[in-house]
């Protein structure tokens, strides 16, 4: 089982970062927006997938992530490139944890800039029927 979060991103006013909104559906319907940057997924999800919302203006190309409270350090197991559909996925163990995530975006077509997101946190503490 996996849990998908849809993200709509656009460049920040200064052009250095991605401003993101998160949704439970790909259409970016405001009724399905996830408030804030804490994303609660079902404990048994096993995997979190970030996928582009239909309203995004930037292309998701990868993500770095780290379990909060673990020893600091980055290596190959802390990076996930996007697949051919611009989806990024990473595993979430069965015990309740929080992962800090930085999504990496690019302009569509020719890369003109890379845009990191702010730090959403994925927490696998939600019920099986998490919206």
C-alpha atoms as a PDB file:
ATOM      1  CA  UNK A   1       0.000   0.000   0.000  1.00  0.00           C
ATOM      2  CA  UNK A   2       1.207   3.550  -0.628  1.00  0.00           C
ATOM      3  CA  UNK A   3      -0.126   7.034   0.032  1.00  0.00           C
ATOM      4  CA  UNK A   4      -0.009   9.767  -2.614  1.00  0.00           C
ATOM      5  CA  UNK A   5       0.249  13.477  -1.892  1.00  0.00           C
ATOM      6  CA  UNK A   6      -0.259  15.831  -4.831  1.00  0.00           C
ATOM      7  CA  UNK A   7       1.809  19.002  -4.942  1.00  0.00           C
ATOM      8  CA  UNK A   8       1.281  22.224  -6.876  1.00  0.00           C
ATOM      9  CA  UNK A   9       4.404  24.369  -6.998  1.00  0.00           C
ATOM     10  CA  UNK A  10       5.336  27.732  -8.420  1.00  0.00           C
ATOM     11  CA  UNK A  11       8.463  29.879  -8.091  1.00  0.00           C
ATOM     12  CA  UNK A  12       8.619  32.172  -5.069  1.00  0.00           C
ATOM     13  CA  UNK A  13       8.533  35.938  -5.581  1.00  0.00           C
ATOM     14  CA  UNK A  14      12.344  36.115  -5.365  1.00  0.00           C
ATOM     15  CA  UNK A  15      12.709  33.189  -7.804  1.00  0.00           C
ATOM     16  CA  UNK A  16      14.850  31.113  -5.442  1.00  0.00           C
ATOM     17  CA  UNK A  17      12.389  28.604  -3.963  1.00  0.00           C
ATOM     18  CA  UNK A  18       9.264  26.625  -4.770  1.00  0.00           C
ATOM     19  CA  UNK A  19       6.083  27.684  -3.020  1.00  0.00           C
ATOM     20  CA  UNK A  20       4.044  24.506  -2.554  1.00  0.00           C
ATOM     21  CA  UNK A  21       0.474  23.540  -1.809  1.00  0.00           C
ATOM     22  CA  UNK A  22      -0.390  19.927  -0.972  1.00  0.00           C
ATOM     23  CA  UNK A  23      -3.585  18.057  -1.870  1.00  0.00           C
ATOM     24  CA  UNK A  24      -5.171  14.637  -1.494  1.00  0.00           C
ATOM     25  CA  UNK A  25      -6.415  14.713  -5.107  1.00  0.00           C
ATOM     26  CA  UNK A  26      -4.604  15.522  -8.360  1.00  0.00           C
ATOM     27  CA  UNK A  27      -7.085  18.212  -9.431  1.00  0.00           C
ATOM     28  CA  UNK A  28      -5.869  20.651  -6.761  1.00  0.00           C
ATOM     29  CA  UNK A  29      -9.399  21.192  -5.467  1.00  0.00           C
ATOM     30  CA  UNK A  30      -9.207  23.571  -2.452  1.00  0.00           C
ATOM     31  CA  UNK A  31     -11.613  21.263  -0.586  1.00  0.00           C
ATOM     32  CA  UNK A  32      -8.879  18.610  -0.687  1.00  0.00           C
ATOM     33  CA  UNK A  33      -5.972  20.843   0.326  1.00  0.00           C
ATOM     34  CA  UNK A  34      -3.739  19.707   3.180  1.00  0.00           C
ATOM     35  CA  UNK A  35      -3.368  22.592   5.623  1.00  0.00           C
ATOM     36  CA  UNK A  36       0.158  23.570   6.557  1.00  0.00           C
ATOM     37  CA  UNK A  37       3.224  21.469   5.949  1.00  0.00           C
ATOM     38  CA  UNK A  38       2.539  18.479   8.230  1.00  0.00           C
ATOM     39  CA  UNK A  39       1.352  15.646   6.045  1.00  0.00           C
ATOM     40  CA  UNK A  40      -0.216  12.779   8.001  1.00  0.00           C
ATOM     41  CA  UNK A  41      -0.390   9.465   6.182  1.00  0.00           C
ATOM     42  CA  UNK A  42      -1.681   6.052   7.286  1.00  0.00           C
ATOM     43  CA  UNK A  43       0.742   4.225   9.575  1.00  0.00           C
ATOM     44  CA  UNK A  44       0.648   1.130   7.384  1.00  0.00           C
ATOM     45  CA  UNK A  45       1.143   3.039   4.091  1.00  0.00           C
ATOM     46  CA  UNK A  46       4.701   1.779   3.705  1.00  0.00           C
ATOM     47  CA  UNK A  47       5.495   4.380   1.084  1.00  0.00           C
ATOM     48  CA  UNK A  48       4.813   8.068   0.500  1.00  0.00           C
ATOM     49  CA  UNK A  49       4.537   9.321  -3.060  1.00  0.00           C
ATOM     50  CA  UNK A  50       4.650  12.986  -4.067  1.00  0.00           C
ATOM     51  CA  UNK A  51       2.999  13.502  -7.458  1.00  0.00           C
ATOM     52  CA  UNK A  52       2.332  16.662  -9.456  1.00  0.00           C
ATOM     53  CA  UNK A  53      -1.082  18.280  -9.109  1.00  0.00           C
ATOM     54  CA  UNK A  54      -2.706  19.382 -12.344  1.00  0.00           C
ATOM     55  CA  UNK A  55      -2.222  23.055 -11.405  1.00  0.00           C
ATOM     56  CA  UNK A  56       1.543  22.922 -10.858  1.00  0.00           C
ATOM     57  CA  UNK A  57       3.757  25.236 -12.888  1.00  0.00           C
ATOM     58  CA  UNK A  58       7.031  23.529 -11.899  1.00  0.00           C
ATOM     59  CA  UNK A  59       8.180  19.976 -12.593  1.00  0.00           C
ATOM     60  CA  UNK A  60       9.040  17.687  -9.668  1.00  0.00           C
ATOM     61  CA  UNK A  61      12.475  16.171 -10.316  1.00  0.00           C
ATOM     62  CA  UNK A  62      13.487  14.668  -6.963  1.00  0.00           C
ATOM     63  CA  UNK A  63      13.518  14.888  -3.177  1.00  0.00           C
ATOM     64  CA  UNK A  64      15.860  14.595  -0.250  1.00  0.00           C
ATOM     65  CA  UNK A  65      14.510  13.345   3.060  1.00  0.00           C
ATOM     66  CA  UNK A  66      15.686  12.475   6.545  1.00  0.00           C
ATOM     67  CA  UNK A  67      14.037  10.854   9.539  1.00  0.00           C
ATOM     68  CA  UNK A  68      13.672  13.496  12.248  1.00  0.00           C
ATOM     69  CA  UNK A  69      15.612  12.513  15.373  1.00  0.00           C
ATOM     70  CA  UNK A  70      18.073  10.227  13.611  1.00  0.00           C
ATOM     71  CA  UNK A  71      21.768  10.841  13.153  1.00  0.00           C
ATOM     72  CA  UNK A  72      22.397  13.632  10.674  1.00  0.00           C
ATOM     73  CA  UNK A  73      24.049  12.747   7.404  1.00  0.00           C
ATOM     74  CA  UNK A  74      23.195  12.560   3.761  1.00  0.00           C
ATOM     75  CA  UNK A  75      23.914   9.631   1.487  1.00  0.00           C
ATOM     76  CA  UNK A  76      22.431   7.848  -1.512  1.00  0.00           C
ATOM     77  CA  UNK A  77      19.571   6.451   0.594  1.00  0.00           C
ATOM     78  CA  UNK A  78      18.345   9.973   1.418  1.00  0.00           C
ATOM     79  CA  UNK A  79      17.632  11.012  -2.173  1.00  0.00           C
ATOM     80  CA  UNK A  80      14.875   9.898  -4.526  1.00  0.00           C
ATOM     81  CA  UNK A  81      14.828  10.984  -8.175  1.00  0.00           C
ATOM     82  CA  UNK A  82      11.494  11.457  -9.899  1.00  0.00           C
ATOM     83  CA  UNK A  83      10.252   8.711 -12.182  1.00  0.00           C
ATOM     84  CA  UNK A  84       9.075   9.205 -15.782  1.00  0.00           C
ATOM     85  CA  UNK A  85       5.753  10.581 -14.483  1.00  0.00           C
ATOM     86  CA  UNK A  86       7.451  13.152 -12.188  1.00  0.00           C
ATOM     87  CA  UNK A  87       6.497  11.176  -9.077  1.00  0.00           C
ATOM     88  CA  UNK A  88       8.874  10.858  -6.142  1.00  0.00           C
ATOM     89  CA  UNK A  89       8.503   8.032  -3.629  1.00  0.00           C
ATOM     90  CA  UNK A  90      10.257   6.933  -0.460  1.00  0.00           C
ATOM     91  CA  UNK A  91       9.581   4.241   2.088  1.00  0.00           C
ATOM     92  CA  UNK A  92       7.949   4.803   5.454  1.00  0.00           C
ATOM     93  CA  UNK A  93       8.500   2.054   8.050  1.00  0.00           C
ATOM     94  CA  UNK A  94       5.605   0.621  10.074  1.00  0.00           C
ATOM     95  CA  UNK A  95       6.643   2.363  13.286  1.00  0.00           C
ATOM     96  CA  UNK A  96       5.529   5.985  13.632  1.00  0.00           C
ATOM     97  CA  UNK A  97       8.197   8.354  12.371  1.00  0.00           C
ATOM     98  CA  UNK A  98       8.491  11.849  10.942  1.00  0.00           C
ATOM     99  CA  UNK A  99      10.529  12.540   7.831  1.00  0.00           C
ATOM    100  CA  UNK A 100      11.575  16.018   6.830  1.00  0.00           C
ATOM    101  CA  UNK A 101      11.423  16.350   3.056  1.00  0.00           C
ATOM    102  CA  UNK A 102      12.826  18.882   0.611  1.00  0.00           C
ATOM    103  CA  UNK A 103      11.249  18.558  -2.816  1.00  0.00           C
ATOM    104  CA  UNK A 104      13.292  19.692  -5.796  1.00  0.00           C
ATOM    105  CA  UNK A 105      11.591  21.280  -8.794  1.00  0.00           C
ATOM    106  CA  UNK A 106      12.641  22.592 -12.187  1.00  0.00           C
ATOM    107  CA  UNK A 107      11.129  24.682 -14.920  1.00  0.00           C
ATOM    108  CA  UNK A 108       9.298  22.652 -17.585  1.00  0.00           C
ATOM    109  CA  UNK A 109      11.263  21.905 -20.744  1.00  0.00           C
ATOM    110  CA  UNK A 110      14.746  23.377 -20.583  1.00  0.00           C
ATOM    111  CA  UNK A 111      16.068  23.684 -17.035  1.00  0.00           C
ATOM    112  CA  UNK A 112      16.502  27.357 -16.196  1.00  0.00           C
ATOM    113  CA  UNK A 113      16.640  27.053 -12.430  1.00  0.00           C
ATOM    114  CA  UNK A 114      16.246  24.527  -9.624  1.00  0.00           C
ATOM    115  CA  UNK A 115      13.708  25.330  -6.917  1.00  0.00           C
ATOM    116  CA  UNK A 116      13.819  23.613  -3.505  1.00  0.00           C
ATOM    117  CA  UNK A 117      10.645  23.506  -1.433  1.00  0.00           C
ATOM    118  CA  UNK A 118      10.291  24.429   2.186  1.00  0.00           C
ATOM    119  CA  UNK A 119      10.486  21.457   4.532  1.00  0.00           C
ATOM    120  CA  UNK A 120       7.187  19.542   4.614  1.00  0.00           C
ATOM    121  CA  UNK A 121       7.096  16.800   7.224  1.00  0.00           C
ATOM    122  CA  UNK A 122       5.571  13.409   6.482  1.00  0.00           C
ATOM    123  CA  UNK A 123       4.234  11.673   9.594  1.00  0.00           C
ATOM    124  CA  UNK A 124       2.865   8.136   9.402  1.00  0.00           C
ATOM    125  CA  UNK A 125       0.471   8.412  12.318  1.00  0.00           C
ATOM    126  CA  UNK A 126      -2.841   8.622  10.495  1.00  0.00           C
ATOM    127  CA  UNK A 127      -5.702   6.117  10.372  1.00  0.00           C
ATOM    128  CA  UNK A 128      -6.176   3.748   7.434  1.00  0.00           C
ATOM    129  CA  UNK A 129      -8.824   6.039   5.947  1.00  0.00           C
ATOM    130  CA  UNK A 130      -6.649   9.184   6.102  1.00  0.00           C
ATOM    131  CA  UNK A 131      -7.948  11.694   3.527  1.00  0.00           C
END
